[in-house]
């Protein structure tokens, strides 16, 4: 998991790895009598980690769309209104062109810091991340637009061909 992706996986104020996906993984492991090993990874190295066997699956807000043939997937477990990549797609050229400027941030924390400081007027993020971040801020200071730009599905990604592990995990 990516340890910098709240509310799905992150380090809390006590230095513990927590999050929605980690709680879900813990529940599955408890039901199977397995020990959950929470392994934070560099997200750019996820394929190497999975293919080398150093992790068994990628379970952290992992978008299935456009990657259907690259992994063995669980069923989708979350519909996510994802907007960051959508701004760069050909489908949204007119919207993107309407902005005075569009700046890409290296991560969500930086995006929210720019919003808080006034360096950005608006940010485009995953709906789950937006709701979590807004719950940590002054109530009513920011709003989420009613209309998402695009939607996608999250799934658990397993090494291509590892249907046995996928089936065991998904059945729980």
N, C-alpha and C. Protein backbone atom coordinates (compact mmCIF):
# COMPACT_ATOMS: atom_id res chain seq x y z
N UNK A 1 0.83 -1.18 0.00
CA UNK A 1 0.00 0.00 0.00
C UNK A 1 0.87 1.24 0.00
N UNK A 2 0.28 2.30 -0.46
CA UNK A 2 0.93 3.61 -0.45
C UNK A 2 0.60 4.26 0.89
N UNK A 3 1.59 4.49 1.72
CA UNK A 3 1.38 5.00 3.08
C UNK A 3 1.06 6.48 3.12
N UNK A 4 0.91 7.10 1.97
CA UNK A 4 0.59 8.52 1.91
C UNK A 4 -0.69 8.75 1.12
N UNK A 5 -1.67 7.90 1.35
CA UNK A 5 -2.91 7.97 0.60
C UNK A 5 -4.13 7.86 1.52
N UNK A 6 -4.28 8.83 2.44
CA UNK A 6 -5.45 8.78 3.31
C UNK A 6 -6.72 9.07 2.52
N UNK A 7 -7.83 8.45 2.84
CA UNK A 7 -8.09 7.61 4.01
C UNK A 7 -7.88 6.12 3.76
N UNK A 8 -7.28 5.75 2.63
CA UNK A 8 -7.15 4.35 2.27
C UNK A 8 -5.97 3.67 2.95
N UNK A 9 -4.83 4.35 3.05
CA UNK A 9 -3.66 3.84 3.73
C UNK A 9 -2.73 4.98 4.07
N UNK A 10 -2.38 5.11 5.36
CA UNK A 10 -1.52 6.21 5.79
C UNK A 10 -1.03 5.95 7.20
N UNK A 11 -0.09 6.77 7.64
CA UNK A 11 0.43 6.67 9.00
C UNK A 11 -0.29 7.70 9.86
N UNK A 12 -0.88 7.24 10.97
CA UNK A 12 -1.62 8.16 11.83
C UNK A 12 -0.68 8.89 12.79
N UNK A 13 -1.24 9.70 13.68
CA UNK A 13 -0.45 10.50 14.61
C UNK A 13 0.35 9.65 15.59
N UNK A 14 -0.04 8.40 15.76
CA UNK A 14 0.68 7.49 16.66
C UNK A 14 1.75 6.69 15.92
N UNK A 15 1.92 6.96 14.63
CA UNK A 15 2.92 6.24 13.85
C UNK A 15 2.46 4.87 13.37
N UNK A 16 1.15 4.60 13.49
CA UNK A 16 0.58 3.32 13.05
C UNK A 16 0.04 3.46 11.64
N UNK A 17 0.19 2.39 10.86
CA UNK A 17 -0.41 2.36 9.53
C UNK A 17 -1.88 2.02 9.66
N UNK A 18 -2.73 2.89 9.15
CA UNK A 18 -4.17 2.74 9.27
C UNK A 18 -4.82 3.11 7.93
N UNK A 19 -6.12 2.91 7.85
CA UNK A 19 -6.86 3.33 6.67
C UNK A 19 -7.94 2.34 6.29
N UNK A 20 -8.83 2.78 5.44
CA UNK A 20 -9.96 1.98 5.00
C UNK A 20 -9.51 0.65 4.40
N UNK A 21 -8.58 0.70 3.46
CA UNK A 21 -8.14 -0.53 2.80
C UNK A 21 -7.39 -1.44 3.76
N UNK A 22 -6.63 -0.88 4.66
CA UNK A 22 -5.91 -1.70 5.63
C UNK A 22 -6.88 -2.37 6.60
N UNK A 23 -7.93 -1.66 6.99
CA UNK A 23 -8.96 -2.27 7.85
C UNK A 23 -9.66 -3.42 7.12
N UNK A 24 -9.95 -3.21 5.86
CA UNK A 24 -10.60 -4.24 5.06
C UNK A 24 -9.68 -5.46 4.91
N UNK A 25 -8.42 -5.22 4.63
CA UNK A 25 -7.45 -6.32 4.51
C UNK A 25 -7.31 -7.06 5.83
N UNK A 26 -7.31 -6.34 6.94
CA UNK A 26 -7.19 -6.97 8.26
C UNK A 26 -8.38 -7.89 8.52
N UNK A 27 -9.56 -7.43 8.15
CA UNK A 27 -10.77 -8.23 8.35
C UNK A 27 -10.71 -9.53 7.55
N UNK A 28 -10.27 -9.43 6.30
CA UNK A 28 -10.13 -10.62 5.46
C UNK A 28 -9.11 -11.58 6.07
N UNK A 29 -7.96 -11.06 6.48
CA UNK A 29 -6.93 -11.91 7.07
C UNK A 29 -7.42 -12.55 8.36
N UNK A 30 -8.11 -11.79 9.20
CA UNK A 30 -8.66 -12.36 10.44
C UNK A 30 -9.61 -13.51 10.14
N UNK A 31 -10.47 -13.32 9.14
CA UNK A 31 -11.44 -14.36 8.78
C UNK A 31 -10.76 -15.62 8.24
N UNK A 32 -9.60 -15.45 7.60
CA UNK A 32 -8.88 -16.59 7.03
C UNK A 32 -7.85 -17.18 7.99
N UNK A 33 -7.65 -16.51 9.13
CA UNK A 33 -6.62 -16.96 10.07
C UNK A 33 -5.22 -16.63 9.61
N UNK A 34 -5.08 -15.61 8.79
CA UNK A 34 -3.79 -15.18 8.26
C UNK A 34 -3.28 -13.99 9.07
N UNK A 35 -1.98 -13.78 9.01
CA UNK A 35 -1.39 -12.58 9.59
C UNK A 35 -1.23 -11.54 8.48
N UNK A 36 -1.78 -10.35 8.72
CA UNK A 36 -1.62 -9.26 7.76
C UNK A 36 -0.27 -8.60 7.98
N UNK A 37 0.51 -8.54 6.91
CA UNK A 37 1.78 -7.81 6.95
C UNK A 37 1.55 -6.55 6.12
N UNK A 38 1.51 -5.41 6.80
CA UNK A 38 1.30 -4.13 6.13
C UNK A 38 2.63 -3.65 5.59
N UNK A 39 2.75 -3.61 4.27
CA UNK A 39 4.02 -3.24 3.66
C UNK A 39 3.86 -1.96 2.83
N UNK A 40 4.30 -0.82 3.39
CA UNK A 40 4.25 0.40 2.59
C UNK A 40 5.28 0.31 1.47
N UNK A 41 4.88 0.74 0.29
CA UNK A 41 5.77 0.66 -0.86
C UNK A 41 5.80 2.01 -1.57
N UNK A 42 6.84 2.19 -2.35
CA UNK A 42 6.88 3.31 -3.29
C UNK A 42 5.92 2.94 -4.41
N UNK A 43 4.89 3.76 -4.61
CA UNK A 43 3.84 3.42 -5.56
C UNK A 43 4.39 3.20 -6.97
N UNK A 44 5.46 3.90 -7.33
CA UNK A 44 6.05 3.72 -8.66
C UNK A 44 6.70 2.35 -8.82
N UNK A 45 6.97 1.68 -7.70
CA UNK A 45 7.63 0.36 -7.74
C UNK A 45 6.66 -0.78 -7.50
N UNK A 46 5.36 -0.52 -7.54
CA UNK A 46 4.37 -1.53 -7.19
C UNK A 46 4.45 -2.78 -8.07
N UNK A 47 4.69 -2.61 -9.36
CA UNK A 47 4.76 -3.77 -10.25
C UNK A 47 5.98 -4.63 -9.92
N UNK A 48 7.12 -4.00 -9.67
CA UNK A 48 8.32 -4.74 -9.30
C UNK A 48 8.10 -5.49 -7.99
N UNK A 49 7.47 -4.83 -7.01
CA UNK A 49 7.20 -5.45 -5.71
C UNK A 49 6.30 -6.68 -5.88
N UNK A 50 5.26 -6.54 -6.70
CA UNK A 50 4.32 -7.63 -6.92
C UNK A 50 4.95 -8.77 -7.70
N UNK A 51 5.64 -8.44 -8.78
CA UNK A 51 6.22 -9.48 -9.63
C UNK A 51 7.39 -10.21 -8.99
N UNK A 52 8.08 -9.54 -8.06
CA UNK A 52 9.20 -10.20 -7.36
C UNK A 52 8.71 -11.08 -6.22
N UNK A 53 7.45 -10.93 -5.83
CA UNK A 53 6.91 -11.72 -4.73
C UNK A 53 7.12 -11.09 -3.37
N UNK A 54 7.65 -9.87 -3.31
CA UNK A 54 7.84 -9.24 -2.00
C UNK A 54 6.52 -8.75 -1.42
N UNK A 55 5.48 -8.63 -2.25
CA UNK A 55 4.11 -8.40 -1.78
C UNK A 55 3.20 -9.38 -2.50
N UNK A 56 2.07 -9.72 -1.88
CA UNK A 56 1.13 -10.67 -2.47
C UNK A 56 0.05 -9.99 -3.30
N UNK A 57 -0.26 -8.75 -2.95
CA UNK A 57 -1.28 -8.03 -3.69
C UNK A 57 -1.09 -6.53 -3.45
N UNK A 58 -1.74 -5.75 -4.29
CA UNK A 58 -1.75 -4.29 -4.16
C UNK A 58 -3.16 -3.93 -3.74
N UNK A 59 -3.26 -3.37 -2.52
CA UNK A 59 -4.58 -3.13 -1.95
C UNK A 59 -4.58 -1.75 -1.34
N UNK A 60 -4.83 -0.75 -2.17
CA UNK A 60 -4.76 0.62 -1.65
C UNK A 60 -5.27 1.61 -2.69
N UNK A 61 -6.58 1.71 -2.81
CA UNK A 61 -7.12 2.67 -3.77
C UNK A 61 -6.55 2.43 -5.15
N UNK A 62 -6.55 1.18 -5.59
CA UNK A 62 -5.89 0.79 -6.83
C UNK A 62 -6.92 0.76 -7.96
N UNK A 63 -6.74 1.65 -8.91
CA UNK A 63 -7.67 1.81 -10.03
C UNK A 63 -7.55 0.67 -11.02
N UNK A 64 -8.68 0.03 -11.29
CA UNK A 64 -8.73 -1.08 -12.23
C UNK A 64 -8.80 -0.58 -13.68
N UNK A 65 -9.51 0.51 -13.89
CA UNK A 65 -9.79 1.00 -15.24
C UNK A 65 -8.50 1.26 -16.02
N UNK A 66 -8.43 0.68 -17.20
CA UNK A 66 -7.25 0.84 -18.05
C UNK A 66 -6.14 -0.13 -17.72
N UNK A 67 -6.31 -0.92 -16.66
CA UNK A 67 -5.29 -1.90 -16.25
C UNK A 67 -5.86 -3.31 -16.21
N UNK A 68 -7.01 -3.50 -16.82
CA UNK A 68 -7.73 -4.77 -16.70
C UNK A 68 -6.88 -5.98 -17.06
N UNK A 69 -6.00 -5.85 -18.04
CA UNK A 69 -5.22 -7.00 -18.52
C UNK A 69 -3.83 -7.10 -17.88
N UNK A 70 -3.48 -6.17 -17.00
CA UNK A 70 -2.14 -6.16 -16.42
C UNK A 70 -2.04 -6.92 -15.10
N UNK A 71 -3.18 -7.20 -14.46
CA UNK A 71 -3.21 -7.85 -13.16
C UNK A 71 -4.36 -8.84 -13.13
N UNK A 72 -4.34 -9.73 -12.17
CA UNK A 72 -5.52 -10.52 -11.85
C UNK A 72 -6.26 -9.73 -10.78
N UNK A 73 -7.50 -9.36 -11.05
CA UNK A 73 -8.25 -8.43 -10.20
C UNK A 73 -9.33 -9.12 -9.39
N UNK A 74 -9.56 -8.59 -8.22
CA UNK A 74 -10.77 -8.92 -7.48
C UNK A 74 -11.92 -8.26 -8.21
N UNK A 75 -13.13 -8.50 -7.73
CA UNK A 75 -14.25 -7.70 -8.18
C UNK A 75 -14.02 -6.27 -7.68
N UNK A 76 -14.58 -5.26 -8.33
CA UNK A 76 -14.43 -3.90 -7.80
C UNK A 76 -15.13 -3.80 -6.44
N UNK A 77 -14.52 -3.09 -5.51
CA UNK A 77 -15.12 -2.93 -4.19
C UNK A 77 -15.46 -1.48 -3.89
N UNK A 78 -15.12 -0.56 -4.78
CA UNK A 78 -15.43 0.84 -4.53
C UNK A 78 -15.53 1.58 -5.84
N UNK A 79 -16.61 2.34 -6.00
CA UNK A 79 -16.72 3.27 -7.12
C UNK A 79 -16.14 4.59 -6.65
N UNK A 80 -15.16 5.07 -7.35
CA UNK A 80 -14.46 6.28 -6.94
C UNK A 80 -14.62 7.34 -8.01
N UNK A 81 -15.04 8.51 -7.60
CA UNK A 81 -15.11 9.62 -8.53
C UNK A 81 -13.74 10.25 -8.57
N UNK A 82 -12.95 9.83 -9.52
CA UNK A 82 -11.56 10.25 -9.64
C UNK A 82 -11.47 11.35 -10.66
N UNK A 83 -10.78 12.41 -10.33
CA UNK A 83 -10.80 13.56 -11.23
C UNK A 83 -9.43 14.04 -11.67
N UNK A 84 -8.36 13.69 -10.98
CA UNK A 84 -7.04 14.25 -11.28
C UNK A 84 -6.59 13.91 -12.69
N UNK A 85 -6.56 12.62 -13.04
CA UNK A 85 -6.13 12.23 -14.38
C UNK A 85 -7.14 12.69 -15.43
N UNK A 86 -8.39 12.77 -15.03
CA UNK A 86 -9.43 13.14 -15.98
C UNK A 86 -9.19 14.54 -16.55
N UNK A 87 -8.59 15.42 -15.77
CA UNK A 87 -8.34 16.77 -16.26
C UNK A 87 -7.36 16.79 -17.42
N UNK A 88 -6.53 15.77 -17.50
CA UNK A 88 -5.53 15.71 -18.56
C UNK A 88 -5.99 14.91 -19.77
N UNK A 89 -7.19 14.38 -19.71
CA UNK A 89 -7.66 13.55 -20.83
C UNK A 89 -8.24 14.41 -21.95
N UNK A 90 -8.29 13.84 -23.15
CA UNK A 90 -8.84 14.54 -24.30
C UNK A 90 -10.32 14.88 -24.10
N UNK A 91 -11.02 14.06 -23.28
CA UNK A 91 -12.44 14.29 -23.05
C UNK A 91 -12.71 15.62 -22.35
N UNK A 92 -11.72 16.13 -21.65
CA UNK A 92 -11.93 17.34 -20.84
C UNK A 92 -11.07 18.52 -21.30
N UNK A 93 -10.70 18.53 -22.58
CA UNK A 93 -9.86 19.62 -23.10
C UNK A 93 -10.51 20.98 -22.90
N UNK A 94 -11.81 21.08 -23.13
CA UNK A 94 -12.49 22.38 -23.00
C UNK A 94 -12.48 22.86 -21.55
N UNK A 95 -12.72 21.95 -20.62
CA UNK A 95 -12.70 22.32 -19.20
C UNK A 95 -11.31 22.78 -18.79
N UNK A 96 -10.32 22.02 -19.15
CA UNK A 96 -8.94 22.36 -18.79
C UNK A 96 -8.54 23.70 -19.39
N UNK A 97 -8.94 23.95 -20.63
CA UNK A 97 -8.60 25.21 -21.31
C UNK A 97 -9.27 26.41 -20.65
N UNK A 98 -10.35 26.16 -19.90
CA UNK A 98 -11.07 27.27 -19.27
C UNK A 98 -10.37 27.79 -18.01
N UNK A 99 -9.39 27.05 -17.50
CA UNK A 99 -8.67 27.48 -16.30
C UNK A 99 -7.61 28.51 -16.65
N UNK A 100 -7.40 29.49 -15.77
CA UNK A 100 -6.32 30.47 -15.97
C UNK A 100 -4.98 29.75 -15.94
N UNK A 101 -4.84 28.79 -15.04
CA UNK A 101 -3.64 27.94 -15.01
C UNK A 101 -4.01 26.62 -14.35
N UNK A 102 -3.26 25.60 -14.68
CA UNK A 102 -3.46 24.27 -14.14
C UNK A 102 -2.11 23.75 -13.69
N UNK A 103 -1.98 23.47 -12.41
CA UNK A 103 -0.72 23.00 -11.85
C UNK A 103 -0.90 21.59 -11.32
N UNK A 104 -0.02 20.69 -11.69
CA UNK A 104 -0.05 19.34 -11.14
C UNK A 104 0.80 19.32 -9.88
N UNK A 105 0.28 18.66 -8.84
CA UNK A 105 0.99 18.54 -7.57
C UNK A 105 1.55 17.13 -7.44
N UNK A 106 2.65 16.97 -6.71
CA UNK A 106 3.26 15.65 -6.59
C UNK A 106 2.43 14.69 -5.73
N UNK A 107 1.57 15.23 -4.85
CA UNK A 107 0.75 14.39 -3.99
C UNK A 107 -0.43 15.20 -3.47
N UNK A 108 -1.36 14.50 -2.85
CA UNK A 108 -2.57 15.16 -2.35
C UNK A 108 -2.29 16.13 -1.22
N UNK A 109 -1.34 15.81 -0.35
CA UNK A 109 -1.04 16.71 0.76
C UNK A 109 -0.58 18.07 0.25
N UNK A 110 0.25 18.08 -0.78
CA UNK A 110 0.71 19.34 -1.38
C UNK A 110 -0.46 20.09 -2.00
N UNK A 111 -1.34 19.37 -2.66
CA UNK A 111 -2.51 20.00 -3.27
C UNK A 111 -3.36 20.70 -2.21
N UNK A 112 -3.59 20.04 -1.10
CA UNK A 112 -4.40 20.66 -0.05
C UNK A 112 -3.67 21.79 0.65
N UNK A 113 -2.35 21.71 0.76
CA UNK A 113 -1.58 22.83 1.32
C UNK A 113 -1.72 24.05 0.42
N UNK A 114 -1.67 23.83 -0.90
CA UNK A 114 -1.85 24.94 -1.84
C UNK A 114 -3.25 25.53 -1.75
N UNK A 115 -4.25 24.70 -1.53
CA UNK A 115 -5.61 25.19 -1.36
C UNK A 115 -5.72 26.00 -0.06
N UNK A 116 -5.18 25.45 1.02
CA UNK A 116 -5.25 26.12 2.33
C UNK A 116 -4.54 27.48 2.30
N UNK A 117 -3.41 27.55 1.58
CA UNK A 117 -2.62 28.78 1.57
C UNK A 117 -3.16 29.83 0.60
N UNK A 118 -4.07 29.42 -0.28
CA UNK A 118 -4.59 30.33 -1.28
C UNK A 118 -3.81 30.30 -2.58
N UNK A 119 -2.80 29.44 -2.66
CA UNK A 119 -2.02 29.32 -3.89
C UNK A 119 -2.85 28.66 -5.00
N UNK A 120 -3.90 27.94 -4.61
CA UNK A 120 -4.81 27.33 -5.58
C UNK A 120 -6.23 27.71 -5.19
N UNK A 121 -7.06 27.95 -6.20
CA UNK A 121 -8.47 28.28 -5.96
C UNK A 121 -9.32 27.02 -5.82
N UNK A 122 -8.88 25.95 -6.47
CA UNK A 122 -9.61 24.69 -6.44
C UNK A 122 -8.62 23.57 -6.72
N UNK A 123 -8.95 22.37 -6.27
CA UNK A 123 -8.12 21.21 -6.58
C UNK A 123 -9.03 20.07 -7.03
N UNK A 124 -8.49 19.20 -7.83
CA UNK A 124 -9.21 18.03 -8.31
C UNK A 124 -8.56 16.80 -7.70
N UNK A 125 -9.35 16.04 -6.94
CA UNK A 125 -8.84 14.86 -6.24
C UNK A 125 -9.89 13.77 -6.22
N UNK A 126 -9.48 12.58 -5.77
CA UNK A 126 -10.42 11.48 -5.57
C UNK A 126 -11.43 11.87 -4.50
N UNK A 127 -12.66 11.44 -4.67
CA UNK A 127 -13.74 11.80 -3.74
C UNK A 127 -13.45 11.31 -2.32
N UNK A 128 -12.90 10.11 -2.17
CA UNK A 128 -12.58 9.60 -0.83
C UNK A 128 -11.53 10.44 -0.14
N UNK A 129 -10.52 10.84 -0.89
CA UNK A 129 -9.47 11.70 -0.35
C UNK A 129 -10.06 13.06 0.02
N UNK A 130 -10.89 13.60 -0.86
CA UNK A 130 -11.49 14.91 -0.60
C UNK A 130 -12.32 14.88 0.68
N UNK A 131 -13.16 13.87 0.84
CA UNK A 131 -14.01 13.79 2.03
C UNK A 131 -13.17 13.66 3.30
N UNK A 132 -12.12 12.85 3.24
CA UNK A 132 -11.25 12.70 4.41
C UNK A 132 -10.57 14.03 4.73
N UNK A 133 -9.98 14.65 3.74
CA UNK A 133 -9.26 15.90 3.97
C UNK A 133 -10.19 16.99 4.50
N UNK A 134 -11.38 17.08 3.96
CA UNK A 134 -12.32 18.10 4.43
C UNK A 134 -12.78 17.83 5.87
N UNK A 135 -12.84 16.55 6.26
CA UNK A 135 -13.22 16.23 7.63
C UNK A 135 -12.16 16.68 8.62
N UNK A 136 -10.94 16.91 8.14
CA UNK A 136 -9.83 17.34 8.99
C UNK A 136 -9.69 18.87 9.04
N UNK A 137 -10.53 19.57 8.31
CA UNK A 137 -10.43 21.03 8.20
C UNK A 137 -11.67 21.71 8.76
N UNK A 138 -11.59 23.01 8.82
CA UNK A 138 -12.71 23.81 9.33
C UNK A 138 -13.98 23.52 8.53
N UNK A 139 -15.04 23.19 9.24
CA UNK A 139 -16.30 22.82 8.59
C UNK A 139 -16.84 23.99 7.77
N UNK A 140 -17.24 23.68 6.54
CA UNK A 140 -17.84 24.69 5.68
C UNK A 140 -16.87 25.57 4.92
N UNK A 141 -15.56 25.40 5.17
CA UNK A 141 -14.57 26.24 4.49
C UNK A 141 -14.45 25.89 3.01
N UNK A 142 -14.60 24.61 2.69
CA UNK A 142 -14.49 24.15 1.31
C UNK A 142 -15.72 23.32 0.96
N UNK A 143 -16.01 23.22 -0.32
CA UNK A 143 -17.13 22.40 -0.78
C UNK A 143 -16.65 21.47 -1.89
N UNK A 144 -17.33 20.36 -2.03
CA UNK A 144 -17.09 19.42 -3.12
C UNK A 144 -18.17 19.66 -4.15
N UNK A 145 -17.79 19.81 -5.39
CA UNK A 145 -18.77 20.02 -6.45
C UNK A 145 -19.71 18.83 -6.57
N UNK A 146 -20.93 19.10 -6.97
CA UNK A 146 -21.93 18.04 -7.08
C UNK A 146 -21.65 17.07 -8.23
N UNK A 147 -21.05 17.57 -9.27
CA UNK A 147 -20.87 16.79 -10.50
C UNK A 147 -19.42 16.31 -10.63
N UNK A 148 -19.18 14.99 -10.57
CA UNK A 148 -17.80 14.51 -10.78
C UNK A 148 -17.40 14.64 -12.25
N UNK A 149 -16.11 14.72 -12.48
CA UNK A 149 -15.61 14.78 -13.86
C UNK A 149 -15.60 13.38 -14.46
N UNK A 150 -15.25 12.39 -13.65
CA UNK A 150 -15.11 11.03 -14.15
C UNK A 150 -15.21 10.06 -12.99
N UNK A 151 -15.57 8.81 -13.26
CA UNK A 151 -15.65 7.79 -12.22
C UNK A 151 -14.78 6.61 -12.61
N UNK A 152 -14.31 5.88 -11.60
CA UNK A 152 -13.51 4.69 -11.84
C UNK A 152 -13.77 3.71 -10.71
N UNK A 153 -13.23 2.50 -10.84
CA UNK A 153 -13.43 1.48 -9.82
C UNK A 153 -12.10 1.08 -9.20
N UNK A 154 -12.14 0.80 -7.89
CA UNK A 154 -10.98 0.29 -7.16
C UNK A 154 -11.13 -1.21 -7.00
N UNK A 155 -10.01 -1.90 -7.13
CA UNK A 155 -9.99 -3.34 -6.91
C UNK A 155 -8.68 -3.74 -6.25
N UNK A 156 -8.60 -4.99 -5.87
CA UNK A 156 -7.38 -5.54 -5.30
C UNK A 156 -6.62 -6.18 -6.46
N UNK A 157 -5.38 -5.75 -6.67
CA UNK A 157 -4.59 -6.26 -7.78
C UNK A 157 -3.65 -7.36 -7.33
N UNK A 158 -3.71 -8.49 -8.02
CA UNK A 158 -2.84 -9.63 -7.76
C UNK A 158 -1.96 -9.85 -8.97
N UNK A 159 -0.85 -10.53 -8.78
CA UNK A 159 0.04 -10.86 -9.90
C UNK A 159 -0.78 -11.59 -10.97
N UNK A 160 -0.55 -11.23 -12.20
CA UNK A 160 -1.29 -11.82 -13.32
C UNK A 160 -1.21 -13.35 -13.23
N UNK A 161 -2.37 -13.98 -13.23
CA UNK A 161 -2.43 -15.43 -13.17
C UNK A 161 -2.62 -16.00 -11.77
N UNK A 162 -2.56 -15.16 -10.74
CA UNK A 162 -2.69 -15.67 -9.37
C UNK A 162 -4.17 -15.72 -8.97
N UNK A 163 -4.92 -16.51 -9.70
CA UNK A 163 -6.36 -16.61 -9.45
C UNK A 163 -6.67 -17.29 -8.12
N UNK A 164 -5.81 -18.20 -7.70
CA UNK A 164 -6.06 -18.92 -6.45
C UNK A 164 -6.11 -17.96 -5.26
N UNK A 165 -5.11 -17.09 -5.15
CA UNK A 165 -5.09 -16.14 -4.04
C UNK A 165 -6.23 -15.13 -4.18
N UNK A 166 -6.47 -14.66 -5.39
CA UNK A 166 -7.57 -13.72 -5.62
C UNK A 166 -8.89 -14.33 -5.19
N UNK A 167 -9.15 -15.56 -5.57
CA UNK A 167 -10.42 -16.21 -5.21
C UNK A 167 -10.55 -16.40 -3.71
N UNK A 168 -9.46 -16.80 -3.06
CA UNK A 168 -9.49 -17.01 -1.61
C UNK A 168 -9.78 -15.69 -0.89
N UNK A 169 -9.10 -14.63 -1.28
CA UNK A 169 -9.31 -13.32 -0.64
C UNK A 169 -10.70 -12.80 -0.93
N UNK A 170 -11.13 -12.89 -2.17
CA UNK A 170 -12.42 -12.30 -2.54
C UNK A 170 -13.59 -13.04 -1.89
N UNK A 171 -13.47 -14.35 -1.70
CA UNK A 171 -14.54 -15.10 -1.08
C UNK A 171 -14.77 -14.70 0.36
N UNK A 172 -13.74 -14.14 1.02
CA UNK A 172 -13.88 -13.67 2.40
C UNK A 172 -14.55 -12.33 2.40
